[in-house]
């Protein structure tokens, strides 16, 4: 059994996906684990805007599972590229669903970029619903750049690591602070982002 696990860890994402599609639960579990940080990276900007982080993470993981089932190597794309598209598609769907109700936290959520394909691997529409509150990568980068003027040095460091997909414990280890201090910093950053999005003025925190 140990040798089988070792062999799996040496496989590429594409090879693991093929095994998972053939019924290997071990390969699927390992591939999902490998994609955990990718899910965090895709979902973190949404968390900052006030979304429920656990719900969004779950939606992102559903995107990974959809990618495993829908990936076709004949399309000449890497699995991770396809998985990122599926993850973002799931997140966009979650944001749209939340935005359909009034006064929901996700109404002010943002995404780094539009998905390039739908969940079936087909090209997605080039434009999102005009009522969507999603913004593109350049706009989000601009918002973060301006926001940093309102952050302390510690908060700016936490923001950079947080958006990089690092967990609270990993950030605490890198900054030499307690996990609770990291959590408090993230909550403060979220409030500043929410106030900025609500006011519509990127110069205010």
N, C-alpha and C. Protein backbone atom coordinates (compact mmCIF):
# COMPACT_ATOMS: atom_id res chain seq x y z
N UNK A 1 0.84 -1.20 0.00
CA UNK A 1 0.00 0.00 0.00
C UNK A 1 0.88 1.25 0.00
N UNK A 2 1.95 1.22 0.82
CA UNK A 2 2.85 2.36 0.90
C UNK A 2 3.50 2.67 -0.43
N UNK A 3 3.90 1.62 -1.15
CA UNK A 3 4.55 1.83 -2.45
C UNK A 3 3.58 2.43 -3.45
N UNK A 4 2.29 2.06 -3.34
CA UNK A 4 1.28 2.61 -4.23
C UNK A 4 1.13 4.11 -3.98
N UNK A 5 1.09 4.51 -2.68
CA UNK A 5 0.97 5.92 -2.33
C UNK A 5 2.18 6.71 -2.83
N UNK A 6 3.36 6.12 -2.66
CA UNK A 6 4.57 6.78 -3.12
C UNK A 6 4.55 6.97 -4.62
N UNK A 7 4.08 5.95 -5.33
CA UNK A 7 3.98 6.02 -6.78
C UNK A 7 3.02 7.13 -7.21
N UNK A 8 1.91 7.27 -6.49
CA UNK A 8 0.93 8.30 -6.82
C UNK A 8 1.53 9.70 -6.67
N UNK A 9 2.34 9.88 -5.64
CA UNK A 9 2.92 11.19 -5.38
C UNK A 9 3.92 11.61 -6.46
N UNK A 10 4.40 10.65 -7.23
CA UNK A 10 5.33 10.98 -8.31
C UNK A 10 4.61 11.27 -9.62
N UNK A 11 3.31 11.04 -9.64
CA UNK A 11 2.53 11.25 -10.87
C UNK A 11 2.23 12.73 -11.09
N UNK A 12 2.08 13.11 -12.35
CA UNK A 12 1.69 14.47 -12.68
C UNK A 12 0.20 14.65 -12.40
N UNK A 13 -0.25 15.89 -12.39
CA UNK A 13 -1.67 16.16 -12.19
C UNK A 13 -2.50 15.47 -13.27
N UNK A 14 -2.01 15.52 -14.49
CA UNK A 14 -2.75 14.91 -15.59
C UNK A 14 -2.86 13.39 -15.42
N UNK A 15 -1.80 12.77 -14.95
CA UNK A 15 -1.82 11.32 -14.72
C UNK A 15 -2.77 10.97 -13.58
N UNK A 16 -2.73 11.78 -12.52
CA UNK A 16 -3.64 11.54 -11.39
C UNK A 16 -5.09 11.70 -11.84
N UNK A 17 -5.34 12.68 -12.69
CA UNK A 17 -6.70 12.90 -13.17
C UNK A 17 -7.19 11.69 -13.97
N UNK A 18 -6.32 11.15 -14.81
CA UNK A 18 -6.70 9.98 -15.60
C UNK A 18 -7.03 8.80 -14.69
N UNK A 19 -6.22 8.62 -13.63
CA UNK A 19 -6.48 7.54 -12.68
C UNK A 19 -7.78 7.77 -11.94
N UNK A 20 -8.02 9.03 -11.55
CA UNK A 20 -9.26 9.36 -10.84
C UNK A 20 -10.48 9.11 -11.73
N UNK A 21 -10.37 9.45 -13.00
CA UNK A 21 -11.47 9.21 -13.93
C UNK A 21 -11.71 7.73 -14.14
N UNK A 22 -10.67 6.92 -13.86
CA UNK A 22 -10.80 5.46 -14.01
C UNK A 22 -11.31 4.81 -12.73
N UNK A 23 -11.54 5.64 -11.70
CA UNK A 23 -12.11 5.10 -10.47
C UNK A 23 -11.20 5.07 -9.26
N UNK A 24 -9.99 5.64 -9.35
CA UNK A 24 -9.08 5.63 -8.22
C UNK A 24 -9.41 6.76 -7.25
N UNK A 25 -9.97 6.40 -6.10
CA UNK A 25 -10.31 7.41 -5.10
C UNK A 25 -9.05 8.01 -4.48
N UNK A 26 -7.97 7.19 -4.41
CA UNK A 26 -6.71 7.69 -3.85
C UNK A 26 -6.13 8.79 -4.74
N UNK A 27 -6.17 8.57 -6.04
CA UNK A 27 -5.66 9.58 -6.98
C UNK A 27 -6.50 10.84 -6.91
N UNK A 28 -7.80 10.69 -6.82
CA UNK A 28 -8.69 11.85 -6.73
C UNK A 28 -8.42 12.65 -5.46
N UNK A 29 -8.27 11.95 -4.34
CA UNK A 29 -8.01 12.62 -3.07
C UNK A 29 -6.69 13.39 -3.11
N UNK A 30 -5.67 12.80 -3.69
CA UNK A 30 -4.38 13.47 -3.77
C UNK A 30 -4.45 14.69 -4.68
N UNK A 31 -5.16 14.57 -5.78
CA UNK A 31 -5.28 15.68 -6.71
C UNK A 31 -6.06 16.84 -6.08
N UNK A 32 -7.10 16.52 -5.34
CA UNK A 32 -7.87 17.55 -4.64
C UNK A 32 -6.98 18.26 -3.62
N UNK A 33 -6.16 17.48 -2.92
CA UNK A 33 -5.24 18.07 -1.94
C UNK A 33 -4.25 19.01 -2.61
N UNK A 34 -3.74 18.60 -3.75
CA UNK A 34 -2.80 19.46 -4.48
C UNK A 34 -3.43 20.78 -4.89
N UNK A 35 -4.73 20.77 -5.11
CA UNK A 35 -5.41 21.97 -5.61
C UNK A 35 -5.95 22.87 -4.49
N UNK A 36 -5.72 22.47 -3.24
CA UNK A 36 -6.27 23.24 -2.12
C UNK A 36 -5.81 24.69 -2.14
N UNK A 37 -4.51 24.90 -2.33
CA UNK A 37 -4.02 26.28 -2.32
C UNK A 37 -4.54 27.06 -3.52
N UNK A 38 -4.70 26.41 -4.66
CA UNK A 38 -5.26 27.07 -5.84
C UNK A 38 -6.67 27.57 -5.54
N UNK A 39 -7.45 26.74 -4.84
CA UNK A 39 -8.80 27.14 -4.46
C UNK A 39 -8.74 28.37 -3.55
N UNK A 40 -7.83 28.36 -2.60
CA UNK A 40 -7.69 29.51 -1.71
C UNK A 40 -7.34 30.78 -2.47
N UNK A 41 -6.40 30.66 -3.41
CA UNK A 41 -5.97 31.83 -4.19
C UNK A 41 -7.14 32.39 -4.99
N UNK A 42 -7.94 31.53 -5.59
CA UNK A 42 -9.07 31.98 -6.40
C UNK A 42 -10.16 32.62 -5.54
N UNK A 43 -10.34 32.12 -4.33
CA UNK A 43 -11.45 32.57 -3.49
C UNK A 43 -11.10 33.70 -2.55
N UNK A 44 -9.84 33.90 -2.24
CA UNK A 44 -9.47 34.88 -1.22
C UNK A 44 -9.97 36.30 -1.48
N UNK A 45 -9.90 36.84 -2.71
CA UNK A 45 -10.44 38.19 -2.92
C UNK A 45 -11.92 38.28 -2.57
N UNK A 46 -12.66 37.20 -2.82
CA UNK A 46 -14.08 37.18 -2.47
C UNK A 46 -14.25 37.20 -0.97
N UNK A 47 -13.38 36.49 -0.24
CA UNK A 47 -13.46 36.48 1.21
C UNK A 47 -13.30 37.90 1.75
N UNK A 48 -12.35 38.63 1.18
CA UNK A 48 -12.04 39.97 1.67
C UNK A 48 -13.24 40.89 1.56
N UNK A 49 -14.05 40.68 0.54
CA UNK A 49 -15.19 41.55 0.33
C UNK A 49 -16.38 41.18 1.20
N UNK A 50 -16.25 40.20 2.07
CA UNK A 50 -17.30 39.91 3.02
C UNK A 50 -18.01 38.59 2.82
N UNK A 51 -17.60 37.78 1.87
CA UNK A 51 -18.25 36.49 1.65
C UNK A 51 -17.93 35.49 2.75
N UNK A 52 -18.74 34.48 2.87
CA UNK A 52 -18.50 33.41 3.83
C UNK A 52 -17.37 32.54 3.29
N UNK A 53 -16.23 32.57 3.95
CA UNK A 53 -15.05 31.89 3.44
C UNK A 53 -15.24 30.38 3.33
N UNK A 54 -15.88 29.77 4.31
CA UNK A 54 -16.05 28.32 4.28
C UNK A 54 -16.97 27.90 3.14
N UNK A 55 -18.04 28.65 2.94
CA UNK A 55 -18.96 28.32 1.84
C UNK A 55 -18.26 28.46 0.50
N UNK A 56 -17.46 29.51 0.34
CA UNK A 56 -16.77 29.72 -0.92
C UNK A 56 -15.69 28.67 -1.16
N UNK A 57 -15.00 28.29 -0.08
CA UNK A 57 -14.01 27.23 -0.22
C UNK A 57 -14.67 25.94 -0.70
N UNK A 58 -15.82 25.65 -0.14
CA UNK A 58 -16.54 24.45 -0.53
C UNK A 58 -16.94 24.52 -2.01
N UNK A 59 -17.41 25.68 -2.44
CA UNK A 59 -17.76 25.85 -3.84
C UNK A 59 -16.53 25.66 -4.72
N UNK A 60 -15.39 26.19 -4.27
CA UNK A 60 -14.16 26.03 -5.03
C UNK A 60 -13.74 24.59 -5.15
N UNK A 61 -13.90 23.82 -4.07
CA UNK A 61 -13.54 22.41 -4.11
C UNK A 61 -14.47 21.63 -5.03
N UNK A 62 -15.73 22.05 -5.10
CA UNK A 62 -16.65 21.43 -6.06
C UNK A 62 -16.13 21.69 -7.48
N UNK A 63 -15.52 22.86 -7.68
CA UNK A 63 -14.93 23.17 -8.98
C UNK A 63 -13.81 22.22 -9.33
N UNK A 64 -13.00 21.85 -8.32
CA UNK A 64 -11.91 20.89 -8.55
C UNK A 64 -12.48 19.54 -8.97
N UNK A 65 -13.52 19.10 -8.27
CA UNK A 65 -14.14 17.82 -8.61
C UNK A 65 -14.74 17.86 -10.02
N UNK A 66 -15.34 19.01 -10.38
CA UNK A 66 -15.88 19.15 -11.74
C UNK A 66 -14.76 19.08 -12.77
N UNK A 67 -13.61 19.65 -12.42
CA UNK A 67 -12.48 19.63 -13.33
C UNK A 67 -11.97 18.21 -13.53
N UNK A 68 -11.91 17.44 -12.45
CA UNK A 68 -11.45 16.06 -12.54
C UNK A 68 -12.36 15.25 -13.46
N UNK A 69 -13.64 15.48 -13.36
CA UNK A 69 -14.58 14.72 -14.17
C UNK A 69 -14.65 15.21 -15.61
N UNK A 70 -14.36 16.48 -15.83
CA UNK A 70 -14.53 17.04 -17.17
C UNK A 70 -13.24 17.24 -17.95
N UNK A 71 -12.08 17.02 -17.31
CA UNK A 71 -10.82 17.28 -18.00
C UNK A 71 -10.60 16.32 -19.16
N UNK A 72 -10.20 16.91 -20.29
CA UNK A 72 -9.91 16.13 -21.49
C UNK A 72 -8.52 16.53 -21.99
N UNK A 73 -7.53 15.66 -21.83
CA UNK A 73 -6.17 16.01 -22.25
C UNK A 73 -6.06 16.30 -23.74
N UNK A 74 -7.03 15.86 -24.52
CA UNK A 74 -7.00 16.10 -25.96
C UNK A 74 -7.15 17.58 -26.29
N UNK A 75 -7.64 18.37 -25.31
CA UNK A 75 -7.80 19.80 -25.53
C UNK A 75 -6.47 20.53 -25.41
N UNK A 76 -5.42 19.79 -25.08
CA UNK A 76 -4.06 20.33 -25.00
C UNK A 76 -3.93 21.46 -23.98
N UNK A 77 -4.58 21.27 -22.85
CA UNK A 77 -4.46 22.22 -21.74
C UNK A 77 -3.98 21.47 -20.51
N UNK A 78 -3.24 22.13 -19.67
CA UNK A 78 -2.80 21.50 -18.43
C UNK A 78 -3.99 21.38 -17.49
N UNK A 79 -3.96 20.35 -16.64
CA UNK A 79 -5.07 20.14 -15.72
C UNK A 79 -5.25 21.34 -14.80
N UNK A 80 -4.15 21.89 -14.29
CA UNK A 80 -4.26 23.00 -13.35
C UNK A 80 -4.91 24.22 -13.98
N UNK A 81 -4.63 24.46 -15.25
CA UNK A 81 -5.24 25.58 -15.96
C UNK A 81 -6.74 25.36 -16.08
N UNK A 82 -7.12 24.14 -16.45
CA UNK A 82 -8.54 23.81 -16.58
C UNK A 82 -9.22 23.86 -15.22
N UNK A 83 -8.54 23.37 -14.18
CA UNK A 83 -9.11 23.37 -12.83
C UNK A 83 -9.36 24.79 -12.35
N UNK A 84 -8.44 25.70 -12.65
CA UNK A 84 -8.62 27.09 -12.22
C UNK A 84 -9.87 27.70 -12.86
N UNK A 85 -10.08 27.38 -14.12
CA UNK A 85 -11.28 27.87 -14.80
C UNK A 85 -12.54 27.32 -14.14
N UNK A 86 -12.54 26.03 -13.83
CA UNK A 86 -13.71 25.41 -13.19
C UNK A 86 -13.95 25.99 -11.80
N UNK A 87 -12.87 26.22 -11.07
CA UNK A 87 -12.99 26.80 -9.73
C UNK A 87 -13.60 28.18 -9.81
N UNK A 88 -13.08 29.02 -10.71
CA UNK A 88 -13.59 30.37 -10.84
C UNK A 88 -15.04 30.38 -11.32
N UNK A 89 -15.40 29.42 -12.17
CA UNK A 89 -16.77 29.32 -12.63
C UNK A 89 -17.71 29.03 -11.47
N UNK A 90 -17.31 28.11 -10.60
CA UNK A 90 -18.11 27.80 -9.41
C UNK A 90 -18.25 29.01 -8.51
N UNK A 91 -17.17 29.75 -8.32
CA UNK A 91 -17.19 30.92 -7.46
C UNK A 91 -18.08 32.01 -8.04
N UNK A 92 -17.99 32.20 -9.36
CA UNK A 92 -18.85 33.19 -10.02
C UNK A 92 -20.31 32.81 -9.83
N UNK A 93 -20.62 31.53 -9.95
CA UNK A 93 -21.99 31.07 -9.76
C UNK A 93 -22.47 31.36 -8.34
N UNK A 94 -21.60 31.14 -7.36
CA UNK A 94 -21.95 31.39 -5.97
C UNK A 94 -22.20 32.87 -5.73
N UNK A 95 -21.36 33.72 -6.33
CA UNK A 95 -21.52 35.16 -6.17
C UNK A 95 -22.82 35.63 -6.82
N UNK A 96 -23.10 35.12 -8.02
CA UNK A 96 -24.33 35.51 -8.71
C UNK A 96 -25.56 35.09 -7.91
N UNK A 97 -25.51 33.90 -7.34
CA UNK A 97 -26.64 33.40 -6.56
C UNK A 97 -26.86 34.29 -5.34
N UNK A 98 -25.77 34.66 -4.67
CA UNK A 98 -25.89 35.52 -3.50
C UNK A 98 -26.36 36.91 -3.88
N UNK A 99 -25.90 37.40 -5.04
CA UNK A 99 -26.25 38.74 -5.49
C UNK A 99 -27.71 38.84 -5.92
N UNK A 100 -28.37 37.71 -6.12
CA UNK A 100 -29.77 37.73 -6.54
C UNK A 100 -30.68 38.14 -5.39
N UNK A 101 -30.16 38.06 -4.14
CA UNK A 101 -30.93 38.50 -2.98
C UNK A 101 -30.43 39.85 -2.52
N UNK A 102 -31.23 40.59 -1.82
CA UNK A 102 -30.84 41.92 -1.38
C UNK A 102 -30.08 41.86 -0.07
N UNK A 103 -29.12 42.80 0.07
CA UNK A 103 -28.38 42.98 1.32
C UNK A 103 -27.62 41.74 1.75
N UNK A 104 -27.10 40.98 0.80
CA UNK A 104 -26.29 39.82 1.15
C UNK A 104 -24.83 40.19 1.10
N UNK A 105 -23.99 39.60 1.96
CA UNK A 105 -22.57 39.96 2.01
C UNK A 105 -21.86 39.84 0.67
N UNK A 106 -22.24 38.84 -0.12
CA UNK A 106 -21.54 38.61 -1.37
C UNK A 106 -21.91 39.61 -2.46
N UNK A 107 -22.86 40.51 -2.17
CA UNK A 107 -23.19 41.51 -3.18
C UNK A 107 -21.99 42.38 -3.52
N UNK A 108 -21.04 42.50 -2.60
CA UNK A 108 -19.87 43.33 -2.83
C UNK A 108 -18.64 42.49 -3.13
N UNK A 109 -18.83 41.23 -3.48
CA UNK A 109 -17.70 40.36 -3.75
C UNK A 109 -17.12 40.66 -5.13
N UNK A 110 -15.86 40.32 -5.30
CA UNK A 110 -15.19 40.57 -6.56
C UNK A 110 -14.41 39.35 -6.98
N UNK A 111 -14.14 39.24 -8.26
CA UNK A 111 -13.35 38.15 -8.78
C UNK A 111 -12.15 38.71 -9.53
N UNK A 112 -11.04 37.98 -9.55
CA UNK A 112 -9.84 38.45 -10.22
C UNK A 112 -9.99 38.50 -11.73
N UNK A 113 -10.77 37.58 -12.29
CA UNK A 113 -10.92 37.58 -13.74
C UNK A 113 -12.10 36.73 -14.13
N UNK A 114 -12.57 36.92 -15.35
CA UNK A 114 -13.71 36.15 -15.85
C UNK A 114 -13.26 34.74 -16.24
N UNK A 115 -14.13 33.76 -16.08
CA UNK A 115 -13.78 32.40 -16.51
C UNK A 115 -13.70 32.32 -18.02
N UNK A 116 -12.81 31.49 -18.51
CA UNK A 116 -12.63 31.36 -19.95
C UNK A 116 -13.48 30.23 -20.53
N UNK A 117 -13.86 29.28 -19.71
CA UNK A 117 -14.66 28.16 -20.18
C UNK A 117 -15.79 27.92 -19.20
N UNK A 118 -16.85 27.26 -19.68
CA UNK A 118 -17.90 26.87 -18.75
C UNK A 118 -17.51 25.54 -18.13
N UNK A 119 -18.39 24.98 -17.26
CA UNK A 119 -18.05 23.78 -16.52
C UNK A 119 -17.89 22.56 -17.42
N UNK A 120 -18.41 22.63 -18.61
CA UNK A 120 -18.28 21.51 -19.52
C UNK A 120 -17.05 21.61 -20.41
N UNK A 121 -16.25 22.66 -20.17
CA UNK A 121 -15.04 22.82 -20.95
C UNK A 121 -15.23 23.63 -22.22
N UNK A 122 -16.44 24.19 -22.40
CA UNK A 122 -16.72 24.99 -23.59
C UNK A 122 -16.46 26.46 -23.31
N UNK A 123 -16.15 27.25 -24.34
CA UNK A 123 -15.90 28.67 -24.12
C UNK A 123 -17.09 29.34 -23.46
N UNK A 124 -16.81 30.15 -22.45
CA UNK A 124 -17.88 30.86 -21.76
C UNK A 124 -18.20 32.14 -22.52
N UNK A 125 -19.32 32.79 -22.13
CA UNK A 125 -19.66 34.06 -22.75
C UNK A 125 -18.58 35.08 -22.43
N UNK A 126 -18.29 35.95 -23.35
CA UNK A 126 -17.20 36.91 -23.18
C UNK A 126 -17.52 37.96 -22.14
N UNK A 127 -18.82 38.20 -21.86
CA UNK A 127 -19.18 39.21 -20.90
C UNK A 127 -20.13 38.62 -19.87
N UNK A 128 -19.98 39.10 -18.61
CA UNK A 128 -20.84 38.65 -17.54
C UNK A 128 -22.10 39.52 -17.51
N UNK A 129 -23.06 39.10 -16.73
CA UNK A 129 -24.28 39.86 -16.53
C UNK A 129 -23.92 41.28 -16.10
N UNK A 130 -24.45 42.32 -16.75
CA UNK A 130 -24.12 43.71 -16.39
C UNK A 130 -24.43 44.02 -14.94
N UNK A 131 -25.38 43.30 -14.33
CA UNK A 131 -25.74 43.56 -12.95
C UNK A 131 -24.76 42.91 -11.97
N UNK A 132 -23.85 42.10 -12.51
CA UNK A 132 -22.87 41.45 -11.65
C UNK A 132 -21.93 42.47 -11.05
N UNK A 133 -21.48 42.20 -9.83
CA UNK A 133 -20.55 43.13 -9.17
C UNK A 133 -19.11 42.68 -9.33
N UNK A 134 -18.88 41.73 -10.22
CA UNK A 134 -17.52 41.26 -10.44
C UNK A 134 -16.70 42.31 -11.16
N UNK A 135 -15.42 42.38 -10.86
CA UNK A 135 -14.54 43.29 -11.56
C UNK A 135 -13.35 42.51 -12.07
N UNK A 136 -12.66 43.05 -13.06
CA UNK A 136 -11.57 42.29 -13.64
C UNK A 136 -10.28 42.46 -12.85
N UNK A 137 -9.27 41.76 -13.28
CA UNK A 137 -8.01 41.72 -12.55
C UNK A 137 -7.39 43.10 -12.38
N UNK A 138 -7.42 43.93 -13.44
CA UNK A 138 -6.80 45.24 -13.36
C UNK A 138 -7.50 46.13 -12.34
N UNK A 139 -8.83 46.10 -12.35
CA UNK A 139 -9.59 46.92 -11.40
C UNK A 139 -9.33 46.47 -9.97
N UNK A 140 -9.28 45.15 -9.77
CA UNK A 140 -9.05 44.63 -8.42
C UNK A 140 -7.65 44.98 -7.95
N UNK A 141 -6.68 44.90 -8.84
CA UNK A 141 -5.30 45.25 -8.48
C UNK A 141 -5.23 46.72 -8.08
N UNK A 142 -5.98 47.57 -8.80
CA UNK A 142 -5.99 48.99 -8.48
C UNK A 142 -6.59 49.23 -7.11
N UNK A 143 -7.66 48.52 -6.81
CA UNK A 143 -8.30 48.66 -5.51
C UNK A 143 -7.33 48.27 -4.39
N UNK A 144 -6.65 47.15 -4.57
CA UNK A 144 -5.71 46.69 -3.55
C UNK A 144 -4.55 47.66 -3.40
N UNK A 145 -4.09 48.20 -4.52
CA UNK A 145 -2.97 49.14 -4.48
C UNK A 145 -3.34 50.37 -3.66
N UNK A 146 -4.55 50.88 -3.86
CA UNK A 146 -5.00 52.04 -3.10
C UNK A 146 -5.29 51.67 -1.65
N UNK A 147 -5.80 50.47 -1.45
CA UNK A 147 -6.13 50.04 -0.10
C UNK A 147 -4.89 49.96 0.77
N UNK A 148 -3.75 49.60 0.19
CA UNK A 148 -2.53 49.44 0.97
C UNK A 148 -2.13 50.72 1.68
N UNK A 149 -2.59 51.88 1.16
CA UNK A 149 -2.30 53.14 1.82
C UNK A 149 -3.01 53.24 3.17
N UNK A 150 -4.05 52.43 3.33
CA UNK A 150 -4.83 52.47 4.57
C UNK A 150 -4.44 51.34 5.52
N UNK A 151 -3.49 50.52 5.13
CA UNK A 151 -3.11 49.37 5.95
C UNK A 151 -1.83 49.64 6.73
N UNK A 152 -1.73 49.00 7.86
CA UNK A 152 -0.46 49.03 8.59
C UNK A 152 0.51 48.12 7.86
N UNK A 153 1.78 48.19 8.24
CA UNK A 153 2.77 47.33 7.60
C UNK A 153 2.44 45.87 7.79
N UNK A 154 1.98 45.51 8.97
CA UNK A 154 1.62 44.12 9.26
C UNK A 154 0.43 43.69 8.43
N UNK A 155 -0.58 44.56 8.32
CA UNK A 155 -1.76 44.22 7.54
C UNK A 155 -1.42 44.06 6.06
N UNK A 156 -0.53 44.89 5.55
CA UNK A 156 -0.12 44.78 4.15
C UNK A 156 0.58 43.46 3.88
N UNK A 157 1.42 43.04 4.83
CA UNK A 157 2.11 41.75 4.69
C UNK A 157 1.12 40.60 4.75
N UNK A 158 0.19 40.69 5.69
CA UNK A 158 -0.83 39.65 5.83
C UNK A 158 -1.66 39.56 4.55
N UNK A 159 -2.02 40.72 3.99
CA UNK A 159 -2.82 40.74 2.76
C UNK A 159 -2.10 40.03 1.63
N UNK A 160 -0.83 40.32 1.46
CA UNK A 160 -0.05 39.71 0.38
C UNK A 160 0.01 38.19 0.54
N UNK A 161 0.28 37.73 1.75
CA UNK A 161 0.37 36.28 2.00
C UNK A 161 -1.00 35.62 1.91
N UNK A 162 -2.01 36.30 2.41
CA UNK A 162 -3.37 35.77 2.40
C UNK A 162 -3.86 35.54 0.98
N UNK A 163 -3.63 36.53 0.11
CA UNK A 163 -4.04 36.39 -1.29
C UNK A 163 -3.19 35.36 -2.02
N UNK A 164 -2.02 35.05 -1.44
CA UNK A 164 -1.16 34.03 -2.02
C UNK A 164 -1.57 32.62 -1.65
N UNK A 165 -2.65 32.50 -0.87
CA UNK A 165 -3.18 31.19 -0.54
C UNK A 165 -2.65 30.58 0.75
N UNK A 166 -1.88 31.34 1.52
CA UNK A 166 -1.32 30.81 2.76
C UNK A 166 -2.39 30.76 3.85
N UNK A 167 -2.31 29.75 4.70
CA UNK A 167 -3.24 29.61 5.81
C UNK A 167 -2.85 30.56 6.93
N UNK A 168 -3.74 30.74 7.90
CA UNK A 168 -3.45 31.62 9.03
C UNK A 168 -2.19 31.17 9.76
N UNK A 169 -2.07 29.87 9.97
CA UNK A 169 -0.92 29.35 10.70
C UNK A 169 0.38 29.58 9.93
N UNK A 170 0.33 29.44 8.61
CA UNK A 170 1.51 29.67 7.78
C UNK A 170 1.91 31.15 7.80
N UNK A 171 0.90 32.02 7.77
CA UNK A 171 1.18 33.46 7.82
C UNK A 171 1.78 33.82 9.18
N UNK A 172 1.21 33.23 10.24
CA UNK A 172 1.72 33.50 11.58
C UNK A 172 3.18 33.09 11.70
N UNK A 173 3.51 31.94 11.11
CA UNK A 173 4.88 31.45 11.17
C UNK A 173 5.83 32.38 10.41
N UNK A 174 5.41 32.87 9.26
CA UNK A 174 6.27 33.73 8.45
C UNK A 174 6.43 35.13 9.04
N UNK A 175 5.41 35.60 9.76
CA UNK A 175 5.47 36.96 10.32
C UNK A 175 5.91 36.99 11.77
N UNK A 176 6.00 35.80 12.40
CA UNK A 176 6.41 35.74 13.79
C UNK A 176 5.34 36.24 14.75
N UNK A 177 4.08 36.17 14.33
CA UNK A 177 2.97 36.62 15.16
C UNK A 177 2.06 35.45 15.50
N UNK A 178 1.14 35.68 16.42
CA UNK A 178 0.19 34.64 16.81
C UNK A 178 -0.89 34.50 15.73
N UNK A 179 -1.46 33.30 15.63
CA UNK A 179 -2.51 33.05 14.65
C UNK A 179 -3.69 33.99 14.87
N UNK A 180 -4.01 34.27 16.12
CA UNK A 180 -5.12 35.17 16.44
C UNK A 180 -4.85 36.56 15.92
N UNK A 181 -3.61 37.01 15.98
CA UNK A 181 -3.25 38.33 15.46
C UNK A 181 -3.46 38.38 13.94
N UNK A 182 -3.14 37.29 13.27
CA UNK A 182 -3.35 37.21 11.82
C UNK A 182 -4.84 37.27 11.51
N UNK A 183 -5.63 36.51 12.26
CA UNK A 183 -7.08 36.49 12.06
C UNK A 183 -7.66 37.89 12.26
N UNK A 184 -7.22 38.57 13.31
CA UNK A 184 -7.72 39.93 13.56
C UNK A 184 -7.35 40.87 12.42
N UNK A 185 -6.13 40.71 11.89
CA UNK A 185 -5.68 41.56 10.78
C UNK A 185 -6.54 41.34 9.55
N UNK A 186 -6.84 40.07 9.25
CA UNK A 186 -7.67 39.76 8.08
C UNK A 186 -9.06 40.36 8.25
N UNK A 187 -9.61 40.29 9.45
CA UNK A 187 -10.94 40.86 9.69
C UNK A 187 -10.93 42.37 9.49
N UNK A 188 -9.86 43.03 9.94
CA UNK A 188 -9.76 44.47 9.75
C UNK A 188 -9.67 44.82 8.26
N UNK A 189 -8.89 44.02 7.52
CA UNK A 189 -8.75 44.25 6.08
C UNK A 189 -10.09 44.07 5.39
N UNK A 190 -10.82 43.04 5.77
CA UNK A 190 -12.14 42.80 5.18
C UNK A 190 -13.06 43.99 5.39
N UNK A 191 -13.05 44.54 6.61
CA UNK A 191 -13.92 45.68 6.91
C UNK A 191 -13.53 46.89 6.06
N UNK A 192 -12.24 47.09 5.87
CA UNK A 192 -11.78 48.22 5.05
C UNK A 192 -12.19 48.04 3.59
N UNK A 193 -12.08 46.81 3.08
CA UNK A 193 -12.51 46.54 1.71
C UNK A 193 -14.01 46.76 1.57
N UNK A 194 -14.78 46.25 2.54
CA UNK A 194 -16.24 46.39 2.49
C UNK A 194 -16.65 47.86 2.51
N UNK A 195 -15.99 48.66 3.36
CA UNK A 195 -16.33 50.09 3.43
C UNK A 195 -16.00 50.78 2.11
N UNK A 196 -14.88 50.39 1.51
CA UNK A 196 -14.47 51.01 0.26
C UNK A 196 -15.44 50.66 -0.86
N UNK A 197 -15.85 49.41 -0.93
CA UNK A 197 -16.78 48.99 -1.97
C UNK A 197 -18.15 49.63 -1.77
N UNK A 198 -18.55 49.78 -0.50
CA UNK A 198 -19.86 50.36 -0.20
C UNK A 198 -19.89 51.85 -0.56
N UNK A 199 -18.79 52.54 -0.25
CA UNK A 199 -18.74 53.98 -0.52
C UNK A 199 -18.55 54.29 -2.00
N UNK A 200 -17.93 53.32 -2.72
CA UNK A 200 -17.65 53.54 -4.13
C UNK A 200 -16.48 54.47 -4.35
N UNK A 201 -15.78 54.80 -3.29
CA UNK A 201 -14.63 55.71 -3.37
C UNK A 201 -13.39 54.95 -2.97
N UNK A 202 -12.51 54.63 -3.92
CA UNK A 202 -11.34 53.82 -3.61
C UNK A 202 -10.30 54.61 -2.85
N UNK A 203 -10.57 55.88 -2.59
CA UNK A 203 -9.60 56.67 -1.83
C UNK A 203 -9.89 56.64 -0.34
N UNK A 204 -11.03 56.02 0.03
CA UNK A 204 -11.39 55.97 1.45
C UNK A 204 -11.29 54.56 1.99
N UNK A 205 -10.93 54.43 3.26
CA UNK A 205 -10.87 53.13 3.91
C UNK A 205 -11.94 53.04 4.97
